Each structure stands twice: as structure tokens, then as C-alpha cells.
PDB file of N, CA and C in Angstrom:
ATOM      1  N   MET A   1     -33.568 -14.136  -1.457  1.00  0.00           N
ATOM      2  CA  MET A   1     -33.363 -13.270  -0.318  1.00  0.00           C
ATOM      3  C   MET A   1     -32.161 -12.816  -0.022  1.00  0.00           C
ATOM      4  N   THR A   2     -31.587 -11.592  -0.110  1.00  0.00           N
ATOM      5  CA  THR A   2     -30.568 -11.159   0.230  1.00  0.00           C
ATOM      6  C   THR A   2     -29.986 -10.556   1.477  1.00  0.00           C
ATOM      7  N   THR A   3     -28.864 -10.838   1.897  1.00  0.00           N
ATOM      8  CA  THR A   3     -28.395 -10.394   3.438  1.00  0.00           C
ATOM      9  C   THR A   3     -27.903  -9.325   3.365  1.00  0.00           C
ATOM     10  N   ASN A   4     -27.687  -8.516   4.584  1.00  0.00           N
ATOM     11  CA  ASN A   4     -26.744  -7.381   4.561  1.00  0.00           C
ATOM     12  C   ASN A   4     -26.108  -7.191   5.816  1.00  0.00           C
ATOM     13  N   ASN A   5     -24.754  -7.658   5.878  1.00  0.00           N
ATOM     14  CA  ASN A   5     -23.655  -7.705   6.967  1.00  0.00           C
ATOM     15  C   ASN A   5     -22.989  -6.334   6.930  1.00  0.00           C
ATOM     16  N   SER A   6     -23.648  -5.592   7.650  1.00  0.00           N
ATOM     17  CA  SER A   6     -23.045  -4.163   7.862  1.00  0.00           C
ATOM     18  C   SER A   6     -21.869  -4.316   8.796  1.00  0.00           C
ATOM     19  N   ALA A   7     -21.475  -5.286   9.198  1.00  0.00           N
ATOM     20  CA  ALA A   7     -20.481  -5.564  10.546  1.00  0.00           C
ATOM     21  C   ALA A   7     -19.206  -5.480   9.723  1.00  0.00           C
ATOM     22  N   THR A   8     -19.123  -5.950   8.368  1.00  0.00           N
ATOM     23  CA  THR A   8     -17.676  -6.282   7.423  1.00  0.00           C
ATOM     24  C   THR A   8     -17.882  -4.818   6.501  1.00  0.00           C
ATOM     25  N   ARG A   9     -18.565  -4.178   6.698  1.00  0.00           N
ATOM     26  CA  ARG A   9     -18.215  -2.925   5.808  1.00  0.00           C
ATOM     27  C   ARG A   9     -17.302  -2.074   6.149  1.00  0.00           C
ATOM     28  N   ARG A  10     -16.528  -1.372   5.469  1.00  0.00           N
ATOM     29  CA  ARG A  10     -15.813  -0.527   5.659  1.00  0.00           C
ATOM     30  C   ARG A  10     -15.895   0.674   5.292  1.00  0.00           C
ATOM     31  N   LEU A  11     -15.523   2.113   5.930  1.00  0.00           N
ATOM     32  CA  LEU A  11     -15.637   3.251   5.267  1.00  0.00           C
ATOM     33  C   LEU A  11     -14.750   3.735   4.291  1.00  0.00           C
ATOM     34  N   SER A  12     -15.084   4.146   3.400  1.00  0.00           N
ATOM     35  CA  SER A  12     -14.126   4.738   2.274  1.00  0.00           C
ATOM     36  C   SER A  12     -12.814   5.399   2.875  1.00  0.00           C
ATOM     37  N   ALA A  13     -13.126   5.853   3.642  1.00  0.00           N
ATOM     38  CA  ALA A  13     -11.915   6.692   4.621  1.00  0.00           C
ATOM     39  C   ALA A  13     -11.085   5.775   5.006  1.00  0.00           C
ATOM     40  N   GLU A  14     -11.538   4.535   5.571  1.00  0.00           N
ATOM     41  CA  GLU A  14     -10.629   3.483   6.040  1.00  0.00           C
ATOM     42  C   GLU A  14      -9.790   2.966   4.945  1.00  0.00           C
ATOM     43  N   LEU A  15     -10.312   3.027   3.655  1.00  0.00           N
ATOM     44  CA  LEU A  15      -9.460   1.955   2.653  1.00  0.00           C
ATOM     45  C   LEU A  15      -8.540   3.051   2.014  1.00  0.00           C
ATOM     46  N   HIS A  16      -8.575   4.437   2.070  1.00  0.00           N
ATOM     47  CA  HIS A  16      -7.423   5.227   1.594  1.00  0.00           C
ATOM     48  C   HIS A  16      -6.388   5.865   2.396  1.00  0.00           C
ATOM     49  N   VAL A  17      -5.050   5.396   2.181  1.00  0.00           N
ATOM     50  CA  VAL A  17      -4.040   6.137   2.942  1.00  0.00           C
ATOM     51  C   VAL A  17      -4.061   7.919   3.137  1.00  0.00           C
ATOM     52  N   ASP A  18      -3.816   8.109   4.237  1.00  0.00           N
ATOM     53  CA  ASP A  18      -3.555   9.720   4.614  1.00  0.00           C
ATOM     54  C   ASP A  18      -2.688  10.050   4.627  1.00  0.00           C
ATOM     55  N   SER A  19      -2.256  10.993   3.498  1.00  0.00           N
ATOM     56  CA  SER A  19      -0.768  11.537   3.290  1.00  0.00           C
ATOM     57  C   SER A  19      -0.275  12.452   4.485  1.00  0.00           C
ATOM     58  N   ALA A  20      -1.205  12.665   5.494  1.00  0.00           N
ATOM     59  CA  ALA A  20      -0.923  13.537   6.502  1.00  0.00           C
ATOM     60  C   ALA A  20      -0.019  12.825   7.504  1.00  0.00           C
ATOM     61  N   LEU A  21      -0.291  11.554   7.457  1.00  0.00           N
ATOM     62  CA  LEU A  21       0.488  10.832   8.343  1.00  0.00           C
ATOM     63  C   LEU A  21       2.142  10.788   7.981  1.00  0.00           C
ATOM     64  N   ARG A  22       2.361  10.897   6.723  1.00  0.00           N
ATOM     65  CA  ARG A  22       3.987  10.821   6.479  1.00  0.00           C
ATOM     66  C   ARG A  22       4.041  12.023   5.539  1.00  0.00           C
ATOM     67  N   PRO A  23       4.376  13.188   6.180  1.00  0.00           N
ATOM     68  CA  PRO A  23       4.602  14.526   5.339  1.00  0.00           C
ATOM     69  C   PRO A  23       5.991  14.260   4.537  1.00  0.00           C
ATOM     70  N   GLY A  24       5.926  15.081   3.533  1.00  0.00           N
ATOM     71  CA  GLY A  24       6.852  14.718   2.748  1.00  0.00           C
ATOM     72  C   GLY A  24       6.930  13.529   1.817  1.00  0.00           C
ATOM     73  N   TRP A  25       6.285  12.630   2.199  1.00  0.00           N
ATOM     74  CA  TRP A  25       6.221  11.368   1.223  1.00  0.00           C
ATOM     75  C   TRP A  25       5.358  11.306   0.211  1.00  0.00           C
ATOM     76  N   VAL A  26       5.394  10.883  -0.844  1.00  0.00           N
ATOM     77  CA  VAL A  26       4.592  11.068  -2.367  1.00  0.00           C
ATOM     78  C   VAL A  26       3.715   9.683  -2.703  1.00  0.00           C
ATOM     79  N   SER A  27       2.773  10.005  -3.273  1.00  0.00           N
ATOM     80  CA  SER A  27       1.988   8.965  -3.795  1.00  0.00           C
ATOM     81  C   SER A  27       2.915   8.080  -4.568  1.00  0.00           C
ATOM     82  N   GLY A  28       2.333   6.533  -4.717  1.00  0.00           N
ATOM     83  CA  GLY A  28       3.118   5.526  -5.433  1.00  0.00           C
ATOM     84  C   GLY A  28       2.591   5.748  -7.040  1.00  0.00           C
ATOM     85  N   LEU A  29       1.873   6.943  -7.188  1.00  0.00           N
ATOM     86  CA  LEU A  29       1.704   7.213  -8.536  1.00  0.00           C
ATOM     87  C   LEU A  29       2.770   8.113  -9.052  1.00  0.00           C
ATOM     88  N   GLU A  30       3.295   8.980  -8.012  1.00  0.00           N
ATOM     89  CA  GLU A  30       4.400   9.966  -8.513  1.00  0.00           C
ATOM     90  C   GLU A  30       5.607   9.391  -8.708  1.00  0.00           C
ATOM     91  N   ARG A  31       6.039   8.086  -7.589  1.00  0.00           N
ATOM     92  CA  ARG A  31       7.275   7.272  -7.606  1.00  0.00           C
ATOM     93  C   ARG A  31       6.839   5.891  -7.406  1.00  0.00           C
ATOM     94  N   ILE A  32       7.049   5.128  -8.485  1.00  0.00           N
ATOM     95  CA  ILE A  32       6.857   3.621  -8.331  1.00  0.00           C
ATOM     96  C   ILE A  32       8.097   3.029  -7.260  1.00  0.00           C
ATOM     97  N   PRO A  33       7.591   2.606  -6.109  1.00  0.00           N
ATOM     98  CA  PRO A  33       8.371   1.867  -5.146  1.00  0.00           C
ATOM     99  C   PRO A  33       9.022   0.535  -5.777  1.00  0.00           C
ATOM    100  N   GLY A  34      10.122   0.337  -5.248  1.00  0.00           N
ATOM    101  CA  GLY A  34      10.828  -0.983  -5.976  1.00  0.00           C
ATOM    102  C   GLY A  34      10.892  -2.072  -5.112  1.00  0.00           C
ATOM    103  N   VAL A  35      11.239  -3.402  -5.459  1.00  0.00           N
ATOM    104  CA  VAL A  35      10.952  -4.397  -4.515  1.00  0.00           C
ATOM    105  C   VAL A  35      12.143  -4.118  -3.210  1.00  0.00           C
ATOM    106  N   GLY A  36      11.632  -4.426  -2.075  1.00  0.00           N
ATOM    107  CA  GLY A  36      12.421  -4.456  -0.606  1.00  0.00           C
ATOM    108  C   GLY A  36      12.402  -2.768  -0.354  1.00  0.00           C
ATOM    109  N   GLU A  37      11.546  -1.911  -0.688  1.00  0.00           N
ATOM    110  CA  GLU A  37      11.350  -0.710  -0.195  1.00  0.00           C
ATOM    111  C   GLU A  37      10.273  -0.487   0.394  1.00  0.00           C
ATOM    112  N   GLU A  38      10.351   0.358   1.630  1.00  0.00           N
ATOM    113  CA  GLU A  38       9.825   0.503   2.633  1.00  0.00           C
ATOM    114  C   GLU A  38       8.623   1.550   2.063  1.00  0.00           C
ATOM    115  N   ILE A  39       7.169   1.047   2.385  1.00  0.00           N
ATOM    116  CA  ILE A  39       6.252   2.019   1.834  1.00  0.00           C
ATOM    117  C   ILE A  39       4.908   2.179   3.440  1.00  0.00           C
ATOM    118  N   PHE A  40       4.059   3.176   3.044  1.00  0.00           N
ATOM    119  CA  PHE A  40       3.269   3.385   3.896  1.00  0.00           C
ATOM    120  C   PHE A  40       1.847   3.087   3.547  1.00  0.00           C
ATOM    121  N   CYS A  41       0.930   2.165   3.834  1.00  0.00           N
ATOM    122  CA  CYS A  41      -0.458   2.135   3.473  1.00  0.00           C
ATOM    123  C   CYS A  41      -1.380   2.112   4.704  1.00  0.00           C
ATOM    124  N   VAL A  42      -2.538   1.605   4.098  1.00  0.00           N
ATOM    125  CA  VAL A  42      -3.577   1.665   5.378  1.00  0.00           C
ATOM    126  C   VAL A  42      -3.341   0.983   6.536  1.00  0.00           C
ATOM    127  N   ALA A  43      -2.687  -0.209   6.351  1.00  0.00           N
ATOM    128  CA  ALA A  43      -2.388  -1.250   7.441  1.00  0.00           C
ATOM    129  C   ALA A  43      -1.133  -0.612   8.207  1.00  0.00           C
ATOM    130  N   GLY A  44      -0.317   0.345   7.657  1.00  0.00           N
ATOM    131  CA  GLY A  44       0.752   0.735   8.242  1.00  0.00           C
ATOM    132  C   GLY A  44       2.073   0.375   7.343  1.00  0.00           C
ATOM    133  N   VAL A  45       3.149   0.580   8.009  1.00  0.00           N
ATOM    134  CA  VAL A  45       4.405   0.460   7.176  1.00  0.00           C
ATOM    135  C   VAL A  45       4.747  -1.078   6.884  1.00  0.00           C
ATOM    136  N   GLY A  46       5.197  -1.214   5.574  1.00  0.00           N
ATOM    137  CA  GLY A  46       5.271  -2.474   4.876  1.00  0.00           C
ATOM    138  C   GLY A  46       6.284  -2.542   4.019  1.00  0.00           C
ATOM    139  N   THR A  47       6.808  -3.501   3.525  1.00  0.00           N
ATOM    140  CA  THR A  47       7.800  -3.768   2.347  1.00  0.00           C
ATOM    141  C   THR A  47       7.063  -4.169   1.009  1.00  0.00           C
ATOM    142  N   VAL A  48       7.624  -3.694  -0.090  1.00  0.00           N
ATOM    143  CA  VAL A  48       7.107  -4.250  -1.267  1.00  0.00           C
ATOM    144  C   VAL A  48       7.937  -5.630  -1.545  1.00  0.00           C
ATOM    145  N   VAL A  49       7.304  -6.532  -1.961  1.00  0.00           N
ATOM    146  CA  VAL A  49       7.620  -7.944  -2.214  1.00  0.00           C
ATOM    147  C   VAL A  49       7.777  -8.368  -3.676  1.00  0.00           C
ATOM    148  N   LYS A  50       6.760  -7.601  -4.349  1.00  0.00           N
ATOM    149  CA  LYS A  50       6.521  -7.525  -5.966  1.00  0.00           C
ATOM    150  C   LYS A  50       5.838  -6.533  -6.661  1.00  0.00           C
ATOM    151  N   VAL A  51       6.533  -5.722  -7.752  1.00  0.00           N
ATOM    152  CA  VAL A  51       5.784  -4.693  -8.231  1.00  0.00           C
ATOM    153  C   VAL A  51       5.114  -5.742  -9.626  1.00  0.00           C
ATOM    154  N   LEU A  52       3.856  -5.505  -9.672  1.00  0.00           N
ATOM    155  CA  LEU A  52       2.996  -6.282 -10.659  1.00  0.00           C
ATOM    156  C   LEU A  52       2.338  -5.334 -11.611  1.00  0.00           C
ATOM    157  N   GLY A  53       1.561  -5.710 -12.467  1.00  0.00           N
ATOM    158  CA  GLY A  53       0.765  -4.917 -13.714  1.00  0.00           C
ATOM    159  C   GLY A  53       0.063  -3.876 -13.146  1.00  0.00           C
ATOM    160  N   ARG A  54      -0.390  -3.296 -13.931  1.00  0.00           N
ATOM    161  CA  ARG A  54      -1.347  -2.309 -13.770  1.00  0.00           C
ATOM    162  C   ARG A  54      -2.724  -2.258 -13.038  1.00  0.00           C
ATOM    163  N   THR A  55      -3.262  -1.388 -12.733  1.00  0.00           N
ATOM    164  CA  THR A  55      -4.541  -1.332 -11.570  1.00  0.00           C
ATOM    165  C   THR A  55      -5.577  -0.725 -12.684  1.00  0.00           C
ATOM    166  N   GLY A  56      -6.591  -0.425 -12.329  1.00  0.00           N
ATOM    167  CA  GLY A  56      -7.546   0.263 -13.377  1.00  0.00           C
ATOM    168  C   GLY A  56      -7.425   1.510 -13.014  1.00  0.00           C
ATOM    169  N   ASP A  57      -6.789   2.255 -12.135  1.00  0.00           N
ATOM    170  CA  ASP A  57      -6.341   3.385 -12.179  1.00  0.00           C
ATOM    171  C   ASP A  57      -5.065   4.086 -12.739  1.00  0.00           C
ATOM    172  N   GLY A  58      -4.524   2.961 -13.302  1.00  0.00           N
ATOM    173  CA  GLY A  58      -3.284   3.119 -13.913  1.00  0.00           C
ATOM    174  C   GLY A  58      -1.887   3.043 -13.123  1.00  0.00           C
ATOM    175  N   SER A  59      -2.209   2.909 -11.857  1.00  0.00           N
ATOM    176  CA  SER A  59      -0.988   2.675 -11.122  1.00  0.00           C
ATOM    177  C   SER A  59      -0.486   1.038 -11.214  1.00  0.00           C
ATOM    178  N   ARG A  60       0.451   0.860 -10.650  1.00  0.00           N
ATOM    179  CA  ARG A  60       1.139  -0.456 -10.458  1.00  0.00           C
ATOM    180  C   ARG A  60       0.502  -1.224  -9.327  1.00  0.00           C
ATOM    181  N   LEU A  61       0.381  -2.492  -9.443  1.00  0.00           N
ATOM    182  CA  LEU A  61      -0.201  -3.417  -8.418  1.00  0.00           C
ATOM    183  C   LEU A  61       1.136  -4.066  -7.519  1.00  0.00           C
ATOM    184  N   LEU A  62       1.004  -3.764  -6.110  1.00  0.00           N
ATOM    185  CA  LEU A  62       2.027  -4.294  -5.116  1.00  0.00           C
ATOM    186  C   LEU A  62       1.639  -5.179  -4.439  1.00  0.00           C
ATOM    187  N   GLU A  63       2.902  -6.256  -4.231  1.00  0.00           N
ATOM    188  CA  GLU A  63       2.424  -7.194  -2.975  1.00  0.00           C
ATOM    189  C   GLU A  63       3.025  -6.524  -2.073  1.00  0.00           C
ATOM    190  N   VAL A  64       2.386  -6.653  -0.673  1.00  0.00           N
ATOM    191  CA  VAL A  64       3.276  -6.004   0.419  1.00  0.00           C
ATOM    192  C   VAL A  64       3.023  -6.866   1.596  1.00  0.00           C
ATOM    193  N   LYS A  65       4.478  -6.725   2.158  1.00  0.00           N
ATOM    194  CA  LYS A  65       4.420  -7.422   3.453  1.00  0.00           C
ATOM    195  C   LYS A  65       4.543  -6.604   4.521  1.00  0.00           C
ATOM    196  N   LEU A  66       3.979  -6.649   5.733  1.00  0.00           N
ATOM    197  CA  LEU A  66       3.869  -6.146   6.855  1.00  0.00           C
ATOM    198  C   LEU A  66       5.071  -6.560   7.879  1.00  0.00           C
ATOM    199  N   PRO A  67       5.639  -5.867   8.603  1.00  0.00           N
ATOM    200  CA  PRO A  67       6.833  -6.345   9.618  1.00  0.00           C
ATOM    201  C   PRO A  67       6.246  -7.609  10.608  1.00  0.00           C
ATOM    202  N   ASP A  68       5.027  -7.871  10.715  1.00  0.00           N
ATOM    203  CA  ASP A  68       4.448  -8.607  11.693  1.00  0.00           C
ATOM    204  C   ASP A  68       4.833 -10.159  10.969  1.00  0.00           C
ATOM    205  N   PRO A  69       5.482 -11.111  11.518  1.00  0.00           N
ATOM    206  CA  PRO A  69       5.728 -12.294  10.936  1.00  0.00           C
ATOM    207  C   PRO A  69       4.476 -13.272  10.562  1.00  0.00           C
ATOM    208  N   THR A  70       3.468 -12.861  11.515  1.00  0.00           N
ATOM    209  CA  THR A  70       2.331 -13.544  11.066  1.00  0.00           C
ATOM    210  C   THR A  70       1.500 -13.515  10.266  1.00  0.00           C
ATOM    211  N   SER A  71       1.566 -12.135   9.671  1.00  0.00           N
ATOM    212  CA  SER A  71       0.842 -11.490   8.613  1.00  0.00           C
ATOM    213  C   SER A  71       1.273 -11.948   7.498  1.00  0.00           C
ATOM    214  N   LYS A  72       0.105 -12.121   6.573  1.00  0.00           N
ATOM    215  CA  LYS A  72       0.265 -12.653   5.095  1.00  0.00           C
ATOM    216  C   LYS A  72       0.392 -11.518   4.194  1.00  0.00           C
ATOM    217  N   PRO A  73       1.354 -11.473   2.961  1.00  0.00           N
ATOM    218  CA  PRO A  73       1.219 -10.703   1.934  1.00  0.00           C
ATOM    219  C   PRO A  73      -0.121 -10.095   1.383  1.00  0.00           C
ATOM    220  N   PHE A  74      -0.310  -9.226   1.128  1.00  0.00           N
ATOM    221  CA  PHE A  74      -1.274  -8.689   0.546  1.00  0.00           C
ATOM    222  C   PHE A  74      -1.138  -7.724  -0.580  1.00  0.00           C
ATOM    223  N   PHE A  75      -2.049  -7.368  -1.590  1.00  0.00           N
ATOM    224  CA  PHE A  75      -1.991  -6.439  -2.836  1.00  0.00           C
ATOM    225  C   PHE A  75      -2.286  -5.239  -2.181  1.00  0.00           C
ATOM    226  N   ALA A  76      -1.940  -4.000  -3.051  1.00  0.00           N
ATOM    227  CA  ALA A  76      -2.455  -2.939  -3.009  1.00  0.00           C
ATOM    228  C   ALA A  76      -2.063  -1.971  -4.092  1.00  0.00           C
ATOM    229  N   ALA A  77      -2.674  -1.190  -4.483  1.00  0.00           N
ATOM    230  CA  ALA A  77      -2.431  -0.344  -5.772  1.00  0.00           C
ATOM    231  C   ALA A  77      -1.269   0.954  -5.262  1.00  0.00           C
ATOM    232  N   ALA A  78      -0.306   1.363  -6.052  1.00  0.00           N
ATOM    233  CA  ALA A  78       0.516   2.028  -5.892  1.00  0.00           C
ATOM    234  C   ALA A  78      -0.103   3.220  -5.521  1.00  0.00           C
ATOM    235  N   SER A  79      -1.346   3.828  -6.123  1.00  0.00           N
ATOM    236  CA  SER A  79      -1.905   4.830  -6.160  1.00  0.00           C
ATOM    237  C   SER A  79      -2.362   5.037  -4.439  1.00  0.00           C
ATOM    238  N   ASN A  80      -2.473   3.849  -3.633  1.00  0.00           N
ATOM    239  CA  ASN A  80      -2.996   4.014  -2.347  1.00  0.00           C
ATOM    240  C   ASN A  80      -1.829   3.790  -1.464  1.00  0.00           C
ATOM    241  N   VAL A  81      -0.539   4.054  -1.726  1.00  0.00           N
ATOM    242  CA  VAL A  81       0.604   3.724  -0.696  1.00  0.00           C
ATOM    243  C   VAL A  81       1.476   5.156  -0.964  1.00  0.00           C
ATOM    244  N   LEU A  82       1.994   5.243   0.221  1.00  0.00           N
ATOM    245  CA  LEU A  82       2.904   6.475   0.182  1.00  0.00           C
ATOM    246  C   LEU A  82       4.399   5.849   0.503  1.00  0.00           C
ATOM    247  N   VAL A  83       5.293   6.817  -0.527  1.00  0.00           N
ATOM    248  CA  VAL A  83       6.479   6.160  -0.478  1.00  0.00           C
ATOM    249  C   VAL A  83       7.700   7.420  -0.438  1.00  0.00           C
ATOM    250  N   ALA A  84       8.762   7.134   0.431  1.00  0.00           N
ATOM    251  CA  ALA A  84       9.846   8.108   0.646  1.00  0.00           C
ATOM    252  C   ALA A  84      10.131   8.833  -0.811  1.00  0.00           C
ATOM    253  N   PRO A  85      10.304  10.131  -0.969  1.00  0.00           N
ATOM    254  CA  PRO A  85      10.564  10.914  -1.960  1.00  0.00           C
ATOM    255  C   PRO A  85      11.870  10.307  -2.302  1.00  0.00           C
ATOM    256  N   HIS A  86      12.966   9.716  -2.016  1.00  0.00           N
ATOM    257  CA  HIS A  86      14.016   9.182  -2.653  1.00  0.00           C
ATOM    258  C   HIS A  86      13.950   7.814  -2.301  1.00  0.00           C
ATOM    259  N   ALA A  87      14.494   6.826  -3.056  1.00  0.00           N
ATOM    260  CA  ALA A  87      14.573   5.554  -2.825  1.00  0.00           C
ATOM    261  C   ALA A  87      15.300   5.311  -1.335  1.00  0.00           C
ATOM    262  N   THR A  88      14.934   4.498  -0.811  1.00  0.00           N
ATOM    263  CA  THR A  88      15.439   3.809   0.463  1.00  0.00           C
ATOM    264  C   THR A  88      15.079   2.322   0.424  1.00  0.00           C
ATOM    265  N   ALA A  89      15.642   1.656  -0.731  1.00  0.00           N
ATOM    266  CA  ALA A  89      15.330   0.462  -0.316  1.00  0.00           C
ATOM    267  C   ALA A  89      16.288  -0.595   0.536  1.00  0.00           C
ATOM    268  N   LYS A  90      16.047  -1.583   1.144  1.00  0.00           N
ATOM    269  CA  LYS A  90      16.726  -2.126   2.097  1.00  0.00           C
ATOM    270  C   LYS A  90      17.362  -3.311   1.343  1.00  0.00           C
ATOM    271  N   THR A  91      18.652  -3.304   1.897  1.00  0.00           N
ATOM    272  CA  THR A  91      19.597  -4.311   1.073  1.00  0.00           C
ATOM    273  C   THR A  91      19.973  -5.339   2.049  1.00  0.00           C
ATOM    274  N   ALA A  92      19.776  -6.613   1.630  1.00  0.00           N
ATOM    275  CA  ALA A  92      20.368  -7.564   2.817  1.00  0.00           C
ATOM    276  C   ALA A  92      21.543  -8.028   2.754  1.00  0.00           C
TER     277      ALA A  92
END
């Protein structure tokens, strides 16, 4: 018997970043963000922790950390994040 829990389903639109939210920013496919660089993803603004291998669509896999100290890092395809057209990596 299979069960269907529709409460945990996400709409496709909820899983793709809206480029209209960051005018002038480009897809991570156009410019791969570097470690420490600020990006915009479905969850909001985050910082790239690691740039890893390739995903199924050919873009890079990114480990992203949100500014909230309680949030755990997560992974996102570079094709589904927005980056500033010019590098704005933070230096410590």
C-alpha cells in the first residue's frame, strides 16, 4: 500500500529562483560563484561555502550557508542561483 502525503509536496515554482527578484544578477550558469561570494537562491541570500562537482544539467554543485546561525548548510545547483554580474566575494 502506498501513501500520499501532499502536505510535503512543493510546487515546481517554489523550487526555482525568480530572476526578477534580483534585477541585473545572472544565473550561476553564466558565472560560477566563488567561495565566500554572496548568492541569491530560493531560500534567500546565502554565502557559497564550497564549489563542488557538476550536476545533471552541467552546472556546478554549491554548498550554501544562510545568514541565520541556526541554519545548516545545504546544496544547490549553480543553475538555480543568482550571482552579481561582477565578483563581490567577502574577505575576512
